[in-house]
Amino acid sequence: MIFSGPASAGGLLRNAVLKLGLSIAVTLAVGAAVPAAHGRTPCATTAGAVALAALPAEAQTTFRQIRSGGPFAYSKDGIVFGNRERQLPAQARGYYREYTVRTPAARDRGARRIVCGGALPTNPDACYYTADHYQSFRRIAE
């Protein structure tokens, strides 16, 4: 005998499959990326680029400071970024460095950062901007 009511295992499975299908359809319909592990997009290269001129003025200033080698306002600027969130393309440890983007009226470093990768800090291969403390990144297009 096969049970098809909502309380049966078959009914629960069918409901779960329908909900999953609906969730995927809604996600694709609004043009969002299907989340990877930890509910985040797979990597910043798929999130699209942002023009340097479109970033907040403070981010543009930080970017210019990176290119000129400083000076930087925060002692942690230029430290190795570990990419533990796996939001950026995988690279060897030490490839990425992070820099604080000043947030007006913030009492601490705030959530905004620029993370750059490459052998030469003043001439990085790529830089990424995050306004939400590493939850998402957008590649900076110069």
N, C-alpha and C. Protein backbone atom coordinates (compact mmCIF):
# COMPACT_ATOMS: atom_id res chain seq x y z
N MET A 1 0.83 -1.17 0.00
CA MET A 1 0.00 0.00 0.00
C MET A 1 0.88 1.25 0.00
N ILE A 2 0.59 2.21 -0.88
CA ILE A 2 1.34 3.46 -0.98
C ILE A 2 0.51 4.57 -0.38
N PHE A 3 1.12 5.30 0.54
CA PHE A 3 0.43 6.42 1.17
C PHE A 3 0.81 7.70 0.44
N SER A 4 -0.16 8.52 0.17
CA SER A 4 0.14 9.76 -0.52
C SER A 4 -0.32 10.99 0.25
N GLY A 5 -0.76 10.81 1.45
CA GLY A 5 -1.19 11.94 2.28
C GLY A 5 0.00 12.75 2.76
N PRO A 6 -0.25 13.96 3.23
CA PRO A 6 0.83 14.84 3.65
C PRO A 6 1.64 14.30 4.83
N ALA A 7 1.06 13.42 5.67
CA ALA A 7 1.78 12.92 6.84
C ALA A 7 2.65 11.72 6.50
N SER A 8 2.48 11.13 5.32
CA SER A 8 3.29 9.97 4.96
C SER A 8 4.66 10.40 4.47
N ALA A 9 5.59 9.46 4.46
CA ALA A 9 6.94 9.76 3.96
C ALA A 9 6.89 10.19 2.50
N GLY A 10 6.07 9.53 1.70
CA GLY A 10 5.95 9.90 0.29
C GLY A 10 5.40 11.30 0.11
N GLY A 11 4.41 11.64 0.93
CA GLY A 11 3.82 12.97 0.86
C GLY A 11 4.81 14.05 1.29
N LEU A 12 5.59 13.77 2.33
CA LEU A 12 6.59 14.73 2.80
C LEU A 12 7.67 14.94 1.74
N LEU A 13 8.10 13.84 1.12
CA LEU A 13 9.11 13.94 0.07
C LEU A 13 8.58 14.74 -1.11
N ARG A 14 7.35 14.44 -1.53
CA ARG A 14 6.76 15.16 -2.65
C ARG A 14 6.68 16.66 -2.33
N ASN A 15 6.24 17.02 -1.13
CA ASN A 15 6.15 18.42 -0.73
C ASN A 15 7.52 19.10 -0.74
N ALA A 16 8.53 18.38 -0.26
CA ALA A 16 9.88 18.94 -0.23
C ALA A 16 10.39 19.19 -1.65
N VAL A 17 10.16 18.24 -2.55
CA VAL A 17 10.58 18.39 -3.94
C VAL A 17 9.87 19.57 -4.60
N LEU A 18 8.58 19.70 -4.34
CA LEU A 18 7.82 20.82 -4.90
C LEU A 18 8.34 22.16 -4.39
N LYS A 19 8.64 22.23 -3.09
CA LYS A 19 9.17 23.48 -2.52
C LYS A 19 10.53 23.80 -3.10
N LEU A 20 11.40 22.79 -3.26
CA LEU A 20 12.72 23.00 -3.84
C LEU A 20 12.59 23.49 -5.27
N GLY A 21 11.72 22.85 -6.03
CA GLY A 21 11.52 23.27 -7.42
C GLY A 21 11.01 24.70 -7.51
N LEU A 22 10.10 25.07 -6.63
CA LEU A 22 9.58 26.43 -6.61
C LEU A 22 10.67 27.42 -6.22
N SER A 23 11.49 27.05 -5.24
CA SER A 23 12.58 27.92 -4.80
C SER A 23 13.57 28.17 -5.93
N ILE A 24 13.93 27.12 -6.66
CA ILE A 24 14.86 27.26 -7.78
C ILE A 24 14.23 28.12 -8.87
N ALA A 25 12.96 27.89 -9.17
CA ALA A 25 12.29 28.66 -10.22
C ALA A 25 12.24 30.14 -9.86
N VAL A 26 11.94 30.46 -8.61
CA VAL A 26 11.89 31.86 -8.19
C VAL A 26 13.27 32.48 -8.26
N THR A 27 14.27 31.75 -7.80
CA THR A 27 15.64 32.27 -7.84
C THR A 27 16.07 32.58 -9.27
N LEU A 28 15.79 31.67 -10.19
CA LEU A 28 16.17 31.88 -11.58
C LEU A 28 15.34 32.98 -12.22
N ALA A 29 14.09 33.10 -11.83
CA ALA A 29 13.21 34.11 -12.41
C ALA A 29 13.65 35.53 -12.06
N VAL A 30 14.21 35.71 -10.88
CA VAL A 30 14.65 37.06 -10.49
C VAL A 30 16.09 37.32 -10.90
N GLY A 31 16.73 36.34 -11.51
CA GLY A 31 18.07 36.53 -12.04
C GLY A 31 19.17 36.41 -10.99
N ALA A 32 18.86 35.85 -9.84
CA ALA A 32 19.87 35.70 -8.80
C ALA A 32 20.66 34.42 -9.03
N ALA A 33 21.87 34.41 -8.52
CA ALA A 33 22.69 33.21 -8.62
C ALA A 33 22.20 32.19 -7.61
N VAL A 34 22.27 30.92 -7.96
CA VAL A 34 21.92 29.87 -7.02
C VAL A 34 23.04 29.83 -5.98
N PRO A 35 22.74 29.97 -4.69
CA PRO A 35 23.78 30.06 -3.69
C PRO A 35 24.60 28.79 -3.58
N ALA A 36 25.87 28.98 -3.26
CA ALA A 36 26.77 27.87 -3.01
C ALA A 36 26.75 27.57 -1.52
N ALA A 37 27.74 26.85 -1.05
CA ALA A 37 27.83 26.52 0.36
C ALA A 37 27.80 27.79 1.20
N HIS A 38 27.25 27.71 2.37
CA HIS A 38 27.15 28.81 3.32
C HIS A 38 26.22 29.91 2.82
N GLY A 39 25.41 29.66 1.79
CA GLY A 39 24.44 30.63 1.33
C GLY A 39 25.03 31.83 0.62
N ARG A 40 26.22 31.71 0.08
CA ARG A 40 26.86 32.83 -0.59
C ARG A 40 27.07 32.50 -2.06
N THR A 41 27.25 33.53 -2.87
CA THR A 41 27.51 33.28 -4.28
C THR A 41 28.85 32.58 -4.43
N PRO A 42 29.03 31.79 -5.50
CA PRO A 42 30.21 30.96 -5.64
C PRO A 42 31.53 31.72 -5.64
N CYS A 43 31.61 32.85 -6.30
CA CYS A 43 32.85 33.61 -6.26
C CYS A 43 32.64 34.96 -6.90
N ALA A 44 33.48 35.91 -6.54
CA ALA A 44 33.27 37.29 -6.95
C ALA A 44 33.33 37.47 -8.46
N THR A 45 34.02 36.60 -9.15
CA THR A 45 34.10 36.76 -10.58
C THR A 45 32.75 36.59 -11.25
N THR A 46 31.79 35.95 -10.58
CA THR A 46 30.46 35.79 -11.15
C THR A 46 29.50 36.88 -10.72
N ALA A 47 29.92 37.72 -9.77
CA ALA A 47 29.03 38.75 -9.24
C ALA A 47 29.03 40.01 -10.10
N GLY A 48 29.85 40.07 -11.12
CA GLY A 48 29.90 41.24 -11.97
C GLY A 48 30.93 42.25 -11.48
N ALA A 49 31.27 43.16 -12.35
CA ALA A 49 32.26 44.17 -12.03
C ALA A 49 31.58 45.48 -11.70
N VAL A 50 32.32 46.34 -11.02
CA VAL A 50 31.85 47.68 -10.71
C VAL A 50 32.95 48.65 -11.14
N ALA A 51 32.56 49.71 -11.80
CA ALA A 51 33.52 50.71 -12.24
C ALA A 51 34.07 51.45 -11.02
N LEU A 52 35.35 51.74 -11.04
CA LEU A 52 35.97 52.48 -9.95
C LEU A 52 35.21 53.78 -9.68
N ALA A 53 34.81 54.46 -10.73
CA ALA A 53 34.09 55.74 -10.59
C ALA A 53 32.73 55.57 -9.93
N ALA A 54 32.17 54.35 -9.94
CA ALA A 54 30.87 54.11 -9.34
C ALA A 54 30.96 53.79 -7.85
N LEU A 55 32.16 53.57 -7.35
CA LEU A 55 32.34 53.27 -5.93
C LEU A 55 32.25 54.55 -5.09
N PRO A 56 31.98 54.42 -3.79
CA PRO A 56 31.98 55.60 -2.93
C PRO A 56 33.32 56.33 -3.00
N ALA A 57 33.30 57.62 -2.76
CA ALA A 57 34.52 58.44 -2.82
C ALA A 57 35.62 57.87 -1.93
N GLU A 58 35.24 57.36 -0.76
CA GLU A 58 36.24 56.80 0.15
C GLU A 58 36.92 55.57 -0.45
N ALA A 59 36.18 54.77 -1.19
CA ALA A 59 36.77 53.59 -1.85
C ALA A 59 37.72 54.02 -2.95
N GLN A 60 37.37 55.06 -3.68
CA GLN A 60 38.26 55.57 -4.73
C GLN A 60 39.56 56.08 -4.12
N THR A 61 39.46 56.75 -2.98
CA THR A 61 40.66 57.24 -2.28
C THR A 61 41.53 56.08 -1.83
N THR A 62 40.91 55.06 -1.23
CA THR A 62 41.67 53.88 -0.78
C THR A 62 42.34 53.20 -1.96
N PHE A 63 41.65 53.10 -3.08
CA PHE A 63 42.22 52.47 -4.27
C PHE A 63 43.46 53.24 -4.74
N ARG A 64 43.37 54.56 -4.77
CA ARG A 64 44.53 55.38 -5.17
C ARG A 64 45.69 55.19 -4.19
N GLN A 65 45.38 55.08 -2.90
CA GLN A 65 46.43 54.85 -1.90
C GLN A 65 47.10 53.49 -2.11
N ILE A 66 46.32 52.48 -2.46
CA ILE A 66 46.88 51.15 -2.74
C ILE A 66 47.87 51.26 -3.89
N ARG A 67 47.46 51.91 -4.96
CA ARG A 67 48.31 52.04 -6.16
C ARG A 67 49.59 52.83 -5.88
N SER A 68 49.52 53.78 -4.92
CA SER A 68 50.71 54.59 -4.62
C SER A 68 51.52 54.04 -3.45
N GLY A 69 51.05 52.97 -2.83
CA GLY A 69 51.80 52.36 -1.73
C GLY A 69 51.53 53.00 -0.38
N GLY A 70 50.47 53.76 -0.25
CA GLY A 70 50.11 54.37 1.03
C GLY A 70 50.29 55.86 0.98
N PRO A 71 50.20 56.51 2.11
CA PRO A 71 50.04 55.98 3.47
C PRO A 71 48.59 55.54 3.72
N PHE A 72 48.45 54.64 4.69
CA PHE A 72 47.16 54.10 5.03
C PHE A 72 46.75 54.54 6.44
N ALA A 73 45.47 54.74 6.63
CA ALA A 73 44.96 55.26 7.90
C ALA A 73 44.91 54.21 9.00
N TYR A 74 44.85 52.94 8.65
CA TYR A 74 44.67 51.88 9.64
C TYR A 74 45.86 50.94 9.64
N SER A 75 46.28 50.52 10.83
CA SER A 75 47.47 49.67 10.95
C SER A 75 47.28 48.30 10.29
N LYS A 76 46.04 47.84 10.16
CA LYS A 76 45.79 46.54 9.54
C LYS A 76 45.74 46.60 8.02
N ASP A 77 45.79 47.78 7.45
CA ASP A 77 45.77 47.89 5.99
C ASP A 77 47.01 47.24 5.40
N GLY A 78 46.79 46.40 4.40
CA GLY A 78 47.88 45.70 3.74
C GLY A 78 48.15 44.32 4.30
N ILE A 79 47.41 43.90 5.35
CA ILE A 79 47.63 42.56 5.90
C ILE A 79 47.07 41.51 4.94
N VAL A 80 47.55 40.31 5.09
CA VAL A 80 47.10 39.20 4.25
C VAL A 80 45.63 38.91 4.53
N PHE A 81 44.88 38.77 3.44
CA PHE A 81 43.47 38.39 3.51
C PHE A 81 43.40 36.90 3.21
N GLY A 82 42.84 36.13 4.15
CA GLY A 82 42.85 34.68 4.04
C GLY A 82 41.80 34.08 3.13
N ASN A 83 40.81 34.84 2.69
CA ASN A 83 39.74 34.34 1.82
C ASN A 83 39.03 33.13 2.44
N ARG A 84 38.88 33.14 3.77
CA ARG A 84 38.22 32.03 4.46
C ARG A 84 36.76 31.86 4.03
N GLU A 85 36.15 32.96 3.61
CA GLU A 85 34.76 32.90 3.15
C GLU A 85 34.65 32.27 1.77
N ARG A 86 35.76 32.13 1.09
CA ARG A 86 35.85 31.56 -0.26
C ARG A 86 35.00 32.32 -1.27
N GLN A 87 34.95 33.62 -1.10
CA GLN A 87 34.19 34.46 -2.02
C GLN A 87 35.04 34.88 -3.22
N LEU A 88 36.34 34.86 -3.07
CA LEU A 88 37.24 35.25 -4.17
C LEU A 88 37.83 34.00 -4.81
N PRO A 89 38.33 34.14 -6.04
CA PRO A 89 38.95 32.98 -6.69
C PRO A 89 40.07 32.41 -5.82
N ALA A 90 40.17 31.09 -5.77
CA ALA A 90 41.17 30.42 -4.94
C ALA A 90 42.58 30.79 -5.39
N GLN A 91 43.41 31.14 -4.42
CA GLN A 91 44.81 31.48 -4.66
C GLN A 91 45.62 31.00 -3.45
N ALA A 92 46.93 30.97 -3.61
CA ALA A 92 47.81 30.58 -2.50
C ALA A 92 47.74 31.63 -1.39
N ARG A 93 47.93 31.18 -0.16
CA ARG A 93 47.92 32.11 0.97
C ARG A 93 48.95 33.20 0.75
N GLY A 94 48.57 34.41 1.05
CA GLY A 94 49.47 35.55 0.87
C GLY A 94 49.22 36.32 -0.43
N TYR A 95 48.40 35.76 -1.31
CA TYR A 95 48.11 36.41 -2.59
C TYR A 95 47.26 37.66 -2.39
N TYR A 96 46.26 37.58 -1.51
CA TYR A 96 45.34 38.69 -1.30
C TYR A 96 45.75 39.54 -0.09
N ARG A 97 45.55 40.86 -0.22
CA ARG A 97 45.76 41.79 0.88
C ARG A 97 44.51 42.66 1.01
N GLU A 98 44.19 43.03 2.24
CA GLU A 98 42.98 43.82 2.47
C GLU A 98 43.30 45.23 2.94
N TYR A 99 42.42 46.14 2.57
CA TYR A 99 42.56 47.55 2.90
C TYR A 99 41.20 48.09 3.34
N THR A 100 41.21 48.92 4.36
CA THR A 100 39.98 49.51 4.89
C THR A 100 39.52 50.66 4.03
N VAL A 101 38.23 50.67 3.76
CA VAL A 101 37.59 51.82 3.12
C VAL A 101 36.88 52.57 4.24
N ARG A 102 37.31 53.78 4.49
CA ARG A 102 36.74 54.57 5.59
C ARG A 102 35.23 54.69 5.44
N THR A 103 34.54 54.52 6.56
CA THR A 103 33.09 54.68 6.61
C THR A 103 32.81 55.91 7.46
N PRO A 104 32.26 56.98 6.87
CA PRO A 104 31.98 58.18 7.66
C PRO A 104 31.11 57.87 8.87
N ALA A 105 31.44 58.46 9.99
CA ALA A 105 30.72 58.34 11.26
C ALA A 105 30.89 56.98 11.94
N ALA A 106 31.67 56.08 11.38
CA ALA A 106 31.91 54.78 12.02
C ALA A 106 32.95 54.95 13.12
N ARG A 107 32.74 54.29 14.25
CA ARG A 107 33.68 54.38 15.36
C ARG A 107 34.84 53.38 15.20
N ASP A 108 34.64 52.40 14.34
CA ASP A 108 35.68 51.41 14.09
C ASP A 108 36.01 51.40 12.60
N ARG A 109 36.63 50.35 12.12
CA ARG A 109 37.00 50.28 10.71
C ARG A 109 35.80 50.14 9.79
N GLY A 110 34.64 49.83 10.32
CA GLY A 110 33.47 49.65 9.48
C GLY A 110 33.53 48.34 8.71
N ALA A 111 32.62 48.18 7.76
CA ALA A 111 32.48 46.91 7.02
C ALA A 111 33.08 46.97 5.62
N ARG A 112 33.43 48.15 5.17
CA ARG A 112 33.86 48.29 3.77
C ARG A 112 35.36 48.01 3.63
N ARG A 113 35.70 47.23 2.59
CA ARG A 113 37.10 46.88 2.33
C ARG A 113 37.34 46.80 0.83
N ILE A 114 38.60 46.95 0.48
CA ILE A 114 39.09 46.59 -0.85
C ILE A 114 40.11 45.50 -0.62
N VAL A 115 39.97 44.40 -1.35
CA VAL A 115 40.91 43.30 -1.29
C VAL A 115 41.55 43.18 -2.66
N CYS A 116 42.89 43.21 -2.68
CA CYS A 116 43.63 43.12 -3.94
C CYS A 116 44.51 41.89 -3.92
N GLY A 117 44.71 41.31 -5.09
CA GLY A 117 45.55 40.14 -5.21
C GLY A 117 46.63 40.32 -6.25
N GLY A 118 47.79 39.77 -5.96
CA GLY A 118 48.90 39.82 -6.90
C GLY A 118 50.22 39.88 -6.17
N ALA A 119 51.30 39.76 -6.94
CA ALA A 119 52.63 39.76 -6.35
C ALA A 119 53.07 41.15 -5.91
N LEU A 120 52.66 42.18 -6.64
CA LEU A 120 53.04 43.55 -6.31
C LEU A 120 51.83 44.31 -5.76
N PRO A 121 51.87 44.69 -4.50
CA PRO A 121 50.71 45.39 -3.92
C PRO A 121 50.32 46.67 -4.66
N THR A 122 51.28 47.39 -5.23
CA THR A 122 50.95 48.63 -5.94
C THR A 122 50.51 48.40 -7.37
N ASN A 123 50.65 47.17 -7.85
CA ASN A 123 50.20 46.82 -9.21
C ASN A 123 49.50 45.47 -9.16
N PRO A 124 48.34 45.41 -8.49
CA PRO A 124 47.66 44.13 -8.29
C PRO A 124 47.08 43.56 -9.58
N ASP A 125 46.93 42.24 -9.59
CA ASP A 125 46.28 41.56 -10.71
C ASP A 125 44.79 41.91 -10.76
N ALA A 126 44.18 41.98 -9.58
CA ALA A 126 42.75 42.28 -9.48
C ALA A 126 42.45 42.83 -8.10
N CYS A 127 41.45 43.71 -8.03
CA CYS A 127 40.97 44.24 -6.75
C CYS A 127 39.46 44.06 -6.69
N TYR A 128 38.97 43.84 -5.47
CA TYR A 128 37.56 43.59 -5.23
C TYR A 128 37.07 44.51 -4.11
N TYR A 129 35.84 44.97 -4.24
CA TYR A 129 35.23 45.83 -3.24
C TYR A 129 34.13 45.07 -2.51
N THR A 130 34.10 45.21 -1.18
CA THR A 130 33.01 44.66 -0.37
C THR A 130 32.49 45.77 0.53
N ALA A 131 31.18 45.92 0.57
CA ALA A 131 30.54 46.89 1.46
C ALA A 131 29.94 46.20 2.67
N ASP A 132 30.01 44.86 2.70
CA ASP A 132 29.33 44.10 3.75
C ASP A 132 30.26 43.12 4.47
N HIS A 133 31.49 43.54 4.69
CA HIS A 133 32.49 42.78 5.45
C HIS A 133 32.61 41.34 4.95
N TYR A 134 32.99 41.21 3.68
CA TYR A 134 33.36 39.95 3.04
C TYR A 134 32.18 39.02 2.69
N GLN A 135 30.95 39.48 2.85
CA GLN A 135 29.82 38.64 2.47
C GLN A 135 29.66 38.57 0.96
N SER A 136 30.00 39.65 0.28
CA SER A 136 29.94 39.68 -1.18
C SER A 136 31.03 40.61 -1.69
N PHE A 137 31.47 40.36 -2.89
CA PHE A 137 32.51 41.16 -3.52
C PHE A 137 32.13 41.48 -4.95
N ARG A 138 32.65 42.60 -5.43
CA ARG A 138 32.55 42.92 -6.86
C ARG A 138 33.92 43.33 -7.33
N ARG A 139 34.32 42.79 -8.47
CA ARG A 139 35.63 43.12 -9.03
C ARG A 139 35.61 44.57 -9.48
N ILE A 140 36.69 45.29 -9.17
CA ILE A 140 36.78 46.70 -9.55
C ILE A 140 37.36 46.79 -10.95
N ALA A 141 36.61 47.44 -11.83
CA ALA A 141 37.06 47.68 -13.20
C ALA A 141 37.56 49.11 -13.26
N GLU A 142 38.80 49.26 -13.68
CA GLU A 142 39.39 50.61 -13.73
C GLU A 142 38.98 51.37 -14.94
